[in-house]
Amino acid sequence: MSKNLHKTRNANIGVYGAVPAGTVSGDVLPLGSGGLIGWALTDRVTQAELDDFSNNSVIPSQGLKDGEASLELIGVATSVKLEVSAAVTLWATVYVTPGGAYTPTAMGNTQVGFALAAATAAGQTIPVGLK
């Protein structure tokens, strides 16, 4: 069995991540510029909500940081952990080169999915939602 499986379901996988200001539960959002679509399962958490949580008056969605929401990724049922050959931004399209390296560079390469986390340098392993 593969050791790089990150998440899988029979439907779409859920993740958390940065979303635009004003995002509320039920919003359908383009994520990045490669065609990835997310459906907001929670409202976007704000710093004010996190501050209120410190005062025990409001409980934001568990584990979310300022500017994040829980999302269902439409059309992404599986994610795997892949080592990338260059820095990759969150939600960026990830491609495979003819030589088998994973990269954010489109030219001459084949799309495999979308970065579900950022990589700041080559050689880092990140979860990639398969297209």
N, C-alpha and C. Protein backbone atom coordinates (compact mmCIF):
# COMPACT_ATOMS: atom_id res chain seq x y z
N MET A 1 0.85 -1.18 0.00
CA MET A 1 0.00 0.00 0.00
C MET A 1 0.89 1.24 0.00
N SER A 2 0.43 2.25 -0.69
CA SER A 2 1.18 3.50 -0.78
C SER A 2 1.35 4.15 0.58
N LYS A 3 2.53 4.72 0.81
CA LYS A 3 2.80 5.38 2.09
C LYS A 3 2.64 6.89 2.01
N ASN A 4 2.27 7.42 0.83
CA ASN A 4 2.14 8.87 0.72
C ASN A 4 0.69 9.34 0.71
N LEU A 5 -0.27 8.44 0.93
CA LEU A 5 -1.67 8.83 0.96
C LEU A 5 -1.90 9.81 2.09
N HIS A 6 -2.54 10.93 1.78
CA HIS A 6 -2.80 11.97 2.78
C HIS A 6 -4.24 11.89 3.24
N LYS A 7 -5.19 11.94 2.33
CA LYS A 7 -6.62 11.82 2.65
C LYS A 7 -7.34 11.22 1.46
N THR A 8 -8.39 10.48 1.72
CA THR A 8 -9.24 9.99 0.65
C THR A 8 -10.64 9.74 1.19
N ARG A 9 -11.60 9.89 0.32
CA ARG A 9 -13.00 9.62 0.63
C ARG A 9 -13.67 9.20 -0.66
N ASN A 10 -14.89 8.77 -0.53
CA ASN A 10 -15.67 8.47 -1.73
C ASN A 10 -16.22 9.74 -2.35
N ALA A 11 -16.17 10.84 -1.62
CA ALA A 11 -16.67 12.12 -2.12
C ALA A 11 -15.52 13.12 -2.11
N ASN A 12 -15.81 14.38 -1.84
CA ASN A 12 -14.79 15.42 -1.79
C ASN A 12 -14.11 15.44 -0.43
N ILE A 13 -12.82 15.81 -0.39
CA ILE A 13 -12.14 15.89 0.89
C ILE A 13 -12.33 17.28 1.50
N GLY A 14 -12.21 17.35 2.81
CA GLY A 14 -12.31 18.60 3.54
C GLY A 14 -10.94 19.02 4.05
N VAL A 15 -10.67 20.30 4.00
CA VAL A 15 -9.41 20.87 4.48
C VAL A 15 -9.73 22.22 5.12
N TYR A 16 -8.73 22.88 5.64
CA TYR A 16 -8.89 24.26 6.09
C TYR A 16 -7.83 25.09 5.38
N GLY A 17 -8.14 26.37 5.20
CA GLY A 17 -7.16 27.21 4.54
C GLY A 17 -7.62 28.64 4.42
N ALA A 18 -6.74 29.47 3.90
CA ALA A 18 -7.00 30.90 3.74
C ALA A 18 -8.11 31.13 2.72
N VAL A 19 -9.03 32.03 3.07
CA VAL A 19 -10.14 32.39 2.20
C VAL A 19 -10.31 33.91 2.21
N PRO A 20 -11.02 34.46 1.23
CA PRO A 20 -11.22 35.92 1.19
C PRO A 20 -12.03 36.43 2.38
N ALA A 21 -11.80 37.69 2.74
CA ALA A 21 -12.58 38.34 3.80
C ALA A 21 -14.06 38.27 3.45
N GLY A 22 -14.88 38.06 4.45
CA GLY A 22 -16.32 38.02 4.25
C GLY A 22 -16.87 36.65 3.88
N THR A 23 -16.01 35.64 3.75
CA THR A 23 -16.47 34.30 3.41
C THR A 23 -17.36 33.76 4.53
N VAL A 24 -18.53 33.23 4.15
CA VAL A 24 -19.44 32.62 5.11
C VAL A 24 -19.74 31.19 4.68
N SER A 25 -20.18 30.40 5.64
CA SER A 25 -20.53 29.01 5.37
C SER A 25 -21.51 28.95 4.21
N GLY A 26 -21.23 28.09 3.24
CA GLY A 26 -22.07 27.94 2.07
C GLY A 26 -21.54 28.64 0.84
N ASP A 27 -20.57 29.54 1.00
CA ASP A 27 -19.99 30.22 -0.16
C ASP A 27 -19.21 29.23 -1.02
N VAL A 28 -19.28 29.41 -2.33
CA VAL A 28 -18.48 28.64 -3.28
C VAL A 28 -17.38 29.56 -3.76
N LEU A 29 -16.12 29.11 -3.59
CA LEU A 29 -14.98 29.99 -3.80
C LEU A 29 -13.98 29.42 -4.80
N PRO A 30 -13.48 30.25 -5.73
CA PRO A 30 -12.32 29.81 -6.51
C PRO A 30 -11.09 29.91 -5.61
N LEU A 31 -10.29 28.88 -5.60
CA LEU A 31 -9.08 28.85 -4.78
C LEU A 31 -7.88 28.81 -5.71
N GLY A 32 -7.06 29.85 -5.68
CA GLY A 32 -5.95 29.94 -6.61
C GLY A 32 -6.47 30.27 -8.00
N SER A 33 -5.65 30.05 -9.00
CA SER A 33 -6.04 30.40 -10.37
C SER A 33 -6.11 29.19 -11.29
N GLY A 34 -6.01 27.99 -10.73
CA GLY A 34 -5.97 26.79 -11.56
C GLY A 34 -7.27 26.04 -11.71
N GLY A 35 -8.38 26.61 -11.20
CA GLY A 35 -9.67 25.95 -11.36
C GLY A 35 -10.14 25.17 -10.14
N LEU A 36 -9.40 25.21 -9.04
CA LEU A 36 -9.83 24.53 -7.81
C LEU A 36 -10.99 25.31 -7.19
N ILE A 37 -12.05 24.59 -6.82
CA ILE A 37 -13.22 25.21 -6.22
C ILE A 37 -13.41 24.65 -4.81
N GLY A 38 -13.66 25.55 -3.87
CA GLY A 38 -13.94 25.15 -2.50
C GLY A 38 -15.32 25.59 -2.08
N TRP A 39 -15.95 24.80 -1.22
CA TRP A 39 -17.25 25.13 -0.65
C TRP A 39 -17.01 25.35 0.83
N ALA A 40 -17.29 26.56 1.31
CA ALA A 40 -17.03 26.90 2.71
C ALA A 40 -17.98 26.15 3.63
N LEU A 41 -17.42 25.38 4.55
CA LEU A 41 -18.21 24.65 5.54
C LEU A 41 -18.39 25.48 6.80
N THR A 42 -17.51 26.47 7.00
CA THR A 42 -17.60 27.37 8.15
C THR A 42 -17.38 28.80 7.67
N ASP A 43 -17.76 29.74 8.51
CA ASP A 43 -17.44 31.14 8.24
C ASP A 43 -15.93 31.34 8.39
N ARG A 44 -15.40 32.35 7.72
CA ARG A 44 -13.99 32.74 7.87
C ARG A 44 -13.78 33.25 9.29
N VAL A 45 -12.76 32.75 9.95
CA VAL A 45 -12.43 33.17 11.31
C VAL A 45 -11.67 34.49 11.25
N THR A 46 -11.99 35.40 12.17
CA THR A 46 -11.30 36.68 12.24
C THR A 46 -10.50 36.77 13.53
N GLN A 47 -9.53 37.66 13.55
CA GLN A 47 -8.74 37.86 14.76
C GLN A 47 -9.63 38.28 15.92
N ALA A 48 -10.66 39.08 15.65
CA ALA A 48 -11.58 39.50 16.71
C ALA A 48 -12.27 38.30 17.36
N GLU A 49 -12.66 37.31 16.54
CA GLU A 49 -13.28 36.09 17.10
C GLU A 49 -12.28 35.32 17.95
N LEU A 50 -11.03 35.26 17.49
CA LEU A 50 -10.01 34.57 18.27
C LEU A 50 -9.75 35.29 19.58
N ASP A 51 -9.77 36.63 19.54
CA ASP A 51 -9.60 37.41 20.78
C ASP A 51 -10.77 37.18 21.72
N ASP A 52 -12.00 37.12 21.17
CA ASP A 52 -13.17 36.85 22.01
C ASP A 52 -13.08 35.47 22.64
N PHE A 53 -12.53 34.52 21.88
CA PHE A 53 -12.36 33.16 22.40
C PHE A 53 -11.46 33.18 23.64
N SER A 54 -10.43 34.03 23.59
CA SER A 54 -9.53 34.15 24.74
C SER A 54 -10.29 34.62 25.97
N ASN A 55 -11.39 35.38 25.75
CA ASN A 55 -12.21 35.87 26.86
C ASN A 55 -13.41 34.96 27.11
N ASN A 56 -13.43 33.78 26.48
CA ASN A 56 -14.47 32.77 26.67
C ASN A 56 -15.86 33.20 26.25
N SER A 57 -15.97 34.14 25.32
CA SER A 57 -17.30 34.56 24.91
C SER A 57 -17.74 33.97 23.57
N VAL A 58 -16.80 33.63 22.69
CA VAL A 58 -17.12 33.06 21.38
C VAL A 58 -16.15 31.92 21.12
N ILE A 59 -16.65 30.83 20.58
CA ILE A 59 -15.78 29.70 20.25
C ILE A 59 -15.72 29.57 18.73
N PRO A 60 -14.59 29.95 18.10
CA PRO A 60 -14.46 29.78 16.65
C PRO A 60 -14.26 28.31 16.30
N SER A 61 -14.40 27.98 15.04
CA SER A 61 -14.18 26.60 14.60
C SER A 61 -12.80 26.14 15.05
N GLN A 62 -12.75 24.97 15.63
CA GLN A 62 -11.53 24.46 16.24
C GLN A 62 -10.36 24.40 15.27
N GLY A 63 -9.24 24.96 15.69
CA GLY A 63 -8.00 24.87 14.95
C GLY A 63 -7.81 25.91 13.85
N LEU A 64 -8.85 26.68 13.55
CA LEU A 64 -8.72 27.67 12.48
C LEU A 64 -7.98 28.90 12.98
N LYS A 65 -7.21 29.51 12.08
CA LYS A 65 -6.47 30.74 12.37
C LYS A 65 -7.15 31.91 11.67
N ASP A 66 -6.72 33.11 12.00
CA ASP A 66 -7.26 34.31 11.38
C ASP A 66 -7.21 34.19 9.86
N GLY A 67 -8.36 34.40 9.21
CA GLY A 67 -8.42 34.36 7.75
C GLY A 67 -8.69 32.99 7.16
N GLU A 68 -8.93 31.98 7.99
CA GLU A 68 -9.15 30.62 7.50
C GLU A 68 -10.61 30.20 7.68
N ALA A 69 -11.00 29.21 6.88
CA ALA A 69 -12.30 28.55 7.01
C ALA A 69 -12.11 27.08 6.69
N SER A 70 -13.05 26.25 7.12
CA SER A 70 -13.08 24.85 6.72
C SER A 70 -13.72 24.78 5.34
N LEU A 71 -13.14 23.97 4.47
CA LEU A 71 -13.58 23.90 3.07
C LEU A 71 -13.75 22.47 2.62
N GLU A 72 -14.72 22.24 1.75
CA GLU A 72 -14.81 21.00 1.02
C GLU A 72 -14.29 21.30 -0.38
N LEU A 73 -13.35 20.50 -0.87
CA LEU A 73 -12.75 20.74 -2.18
C LEU A 73 -13.53 19.95 -3.23
N ILE A 74 -14.22 20.67 -4.09
CA ILE A 74 -15.10 20.06 -5.07
C ILE A 74 -14.28 19.34 -6.14
N GLY A 75 -14.56 18.06 -6.32
CA GLY A 75 -13.87 17.26 -7.32
C GLY A 75 -12.54 16.68 -6.88
N VAL A 76 -12.17 16.88 -5.61
CA VAL A 76 -10.91 16.33 -5.09
C VAL A 76 -11.26 15.28 -4.04
N ALA A 77 -11.06 14.01 -4.37
CA ALA A 77 -11.41 12.93 -3.46
C ALA A 77 -10.19 12.32 -2.79
N THR A 78 -9.00 12.61 -3.30
CA THR A 78 -7.78 12.01 -2.76
C THR A 78 -6.67 13.05 -2.74
N SER A 79 -5.88 13.04 -1.67
CA SER A 79 -4.67 13.85 -1.64
C SER A 79 -3.51 12.95 -1.23
N VAL A 80 -2.35 13.27 -1.76
CA VAL A 80 -1.14 12.51 -1.46
C VAL A 80 -0.04 13.49 -1.07
N LYS A 81 0.95 13.01 -0.35
CA LYS A 81 2.10 13.84 0.02
C LYS A 81 3.17 13.65 -1.04
N LEU A 82 3.57 14.79 -1.64
CA LEU A 82 4.57 14.75 -2.71
C LEU A 82 5.70 15.73 -2.41
N GLU A 83 6.91 15.33 -2.75
CA GLU A 83 8.06 16.22 -2.63
C GLU A 83 8.09 17.11 -3.88
N VAL A 84 8.14 18.41 -3.66
CA VAL A 84 8.14 19.35 -4.79
C VAL A 84 9.56 19.81 -5.11
N SER A 85 9.76 20.16 -6.39
CA SER A 85 11.10 20.54 -6.85
C SER A 85 11.31 22.05 -6.83
N ALA A 86 10.33 22.80 -6.32
CA ALA A 86 10.43 24.27 -6.24
C ALA A 86 9.41 24.75 -5.21
N ALA A 87 9.52 26.00 -4.81
CA ALA A 87 8.54 26.58 -3.90
C ALA A 87 7.16 26.56 -4.57
N VAL A 88 6.12 26.32 -3.77
CA VAL A 88 4.75 26.23 -4.27
C VAL A 88 3.85 26.99 -3.29
N THR A 89 2.92 27.79 -3.82
CA THR A 89 1.99 28.52 -2.96
C THR A 89 0.74 27.68 -2.70
N LEU A 90 0.05 27.99 -1.60
CA LEU A 90 -1.21 27.34 -1.27
C LEU A 90 -2.18 27.48 -2.43
N TRP A 91 -2.85 26.40 -2.78
CA TRP A 91 -3.86 26.29 -3.84
C TRP A 91 -3.27 26.31 -5.25
N ALA A 92 -1.94 26.41 -5.40
CA ALA A 92 -1.33 26.44 -6.74
C ALA A 92 -1.53 25.10 -7.45
N THR A 93 -1.56 25.17 -8.77
CA THR A 93 -1.62 23.95 -9.57
C THR A 93 -0.24 23.27 -9.51
N VAL A 94 -0.25 21.95 -9.36
CA VAL A 94 0.98 21.17 -9.30
C VAL A 94 1.03 20.27 -10.54
N TYR A 95 2.20 20.22 -11.15
CA TYR A 95 2.42 19.46 -12.38
C TYR A 95 3.52 18.43 -12.14
N VAL A 96 3.57 17.41 -13.00
CA VAL A 96 4.66 16.45 -12.99
C VAL A 96 5.43 16.62 -14.30
N THR A 97 6.76 16.63 -14.17
CA THR A 97 7.62 16.76 -15.34
C THR A 97 7.76 15.39 -16.01
N PRO A 98 8.24 15.34 -17.25
CA PRO A 98 8.49 14.05 -17.89
C PRO A 98 9.47 13.20 -17.07
N GLY A 99 10.33 13.84 -16.27
CA GLY A 99 11.28 13.12 -15.44
C GLY A 99 10.74 12.69 -14.09
N GLY A 100 9.47 13.05 -13.80
CA GLY A 100 8.84 12.60 -12.56
C GLY A 100 8.94 13.57 -11.38
N ALA A 101 9.42 14.79 -11.61
CA ALA A 101 9.50 15.78 -10.53
C ALA A 101 8.19 16.55 -10.46
N TYR A 102 7.80 16.96 -9.26
CA TYR A 102 6.56 17.72 -9.05
C TYR A 102 6.90 19.20 -8.92
N THR A 103 6.20 20.03 -9.69
CA THR A 103 6.59 21.42 -9.86
C THR A 103 5.35 22.30 -10.07
N PRO A 104 5.45 23.61 -9.78
CA PRO A 104 4.37 24.52 -10.13
C PRO A 104 4.47 25.05 -11.57
N THR A 105 5.45 24.58 -12.32
CA THR A 105 5.68 25.05 -13.69
C THR A 105 4.83 24.25 -14.68
N ALA A 106 4.02 24.97 -15.45
CA ALA A 106 3.09 24.31 -16.38
C ALA A 106 3.74 23.86 -17.68
N MET A 107 4.60 24.69 -18.26
CA MET A 107 5.12 24.44 -19.61
C MET A 107 5.80 23.07 -19.72
N GLY A 108 5.27 22.25 -20.64
CA GLY A 108 5.85 20.95 -20.93
C GLY A 108 5.54 19.88 -19.91
N ASN A 109 4.69 20.19 -18.93
CA ASN A 109 4.40 19.26 -17.84
C ASN A 109 2.91 18.91 -17.80
N THR A 110 2.54 17.91 -17.03
CA THR A 110 1.17 17.43 -16.92
C THR A 110 0.60 17.76 -15.56
N GLN A 111 -0.59 18.35 -15.53
CA GLN A 111 -1.22 18.69 -14.25
C GLN A 111 -1.60 17.43 -13.49
N VAL A 112 -1.28 17.44 -12.18
CA VAL A 112 -1.68 16.32 -11.33
C VAL A 112 -2.67 16.75 -10.24
N GLY A 113 -2.63 18.03 -9.84
CA GLY A 113 -3.54 18.46 -8.78
C GLY A 113 -3.23 19.84 -8.27
N PHE A 114 -3.56 20.06 -6.97
CA PHE A 114 -3.46 21.38 -6.36
C PHE A 114 -2.77 21.28 -5.00
N ALA A 115 -1.91 22.26 -4.71
CA ALA A 115 -1.19 22.30 -3.44
C ALA A 115 -2.16 22.60 -2.30
N LEU A 116 -2.21 21.74 -1.31
CA LEU A 116 -3.07 21.94 -0.14
C LEU A 116 -2.30 22.55 1.02
N ALA A 117 -1.05 22.87 0.77
CA ALA A 117 -0.19 23.60 1.72
C ALA A 117 0.89 24.25 0.88
N ALA A 118 1.52 25.25 1.43
CA ALA A 118 2.61 25.92 0.73
C ALA A 118 3.93 25.22 1.01
N ALA A 119 4.83 25.28 0.04
CA ALA A 119 6.22 24.84 0.22
C ALA A 119 7.09 26.06 -0.03
N THR A 120 7.96 26.37 0.89
CA THR A 120 8.80 27.55 0.76
C THR A 120 10.08 27.30 -0.02
N ALA A 121 10.39 26.02 -0.28
CA ALA A 121 11.63 25.70 -0.98
C ALA A 121 11.52 24.33 -1.63
N ALA A 122 12.41 24.07 -2.57
CA ALA A 122 12.50 22.76 -3.20
C ALA A 122 12.83 21.71 -2.14
N GLY A 123 12.34 20.50 -2.36
CA GLY A 123 12.65 19.39 -1.46
C GLY A 123 11.67 19.22 -0.33
N GLN A 124 10.72 20.14 -0.19
CA GLN A 124 9.71 19.98 0.86
C GLN A 124 8.58 19.07 0.37
N THR A 125 7.95 18.37 1.31
CA THR A 125 6.84 17.48 1.00
C THR A 125 5.55 18.15 1.47
N ILE A 126 4.59 18.23 0.55
CA ILE A 126 3.30 18.88 0.86
C ILE A 126 2.15 17.97 0.41
N PRO A 127 0.97 18.15 1.00
CA PRO A 127 -0.19 17.42 0.48
C PRO A 127 -0.67 18.05 -0.82
N VAL A 128 -0.97 17.20 -1.79
CA VAL A 128 -1.47 17.65 -3.09
C VAL A 128 -2.78 16.94 -3.35
N GLY A 129 -3.85 17.72 -3.57
CA GLY A 129 -5.15 17.16 -3.93
C GLY A 129 -5.13 16.78 -5.39
N LEU A 130 -5.37 15.51 -5.68
CA LEU A 130 -5.29 15.03 -7.06
C LEU A 130 -6.51 15.49 -7.85
N LYS A 131 -6.26 15.86 -9.08
CA LYS A 131 -7.33 16.36 -9.97
C LYS A 131 -8.10 15.21 -10.52
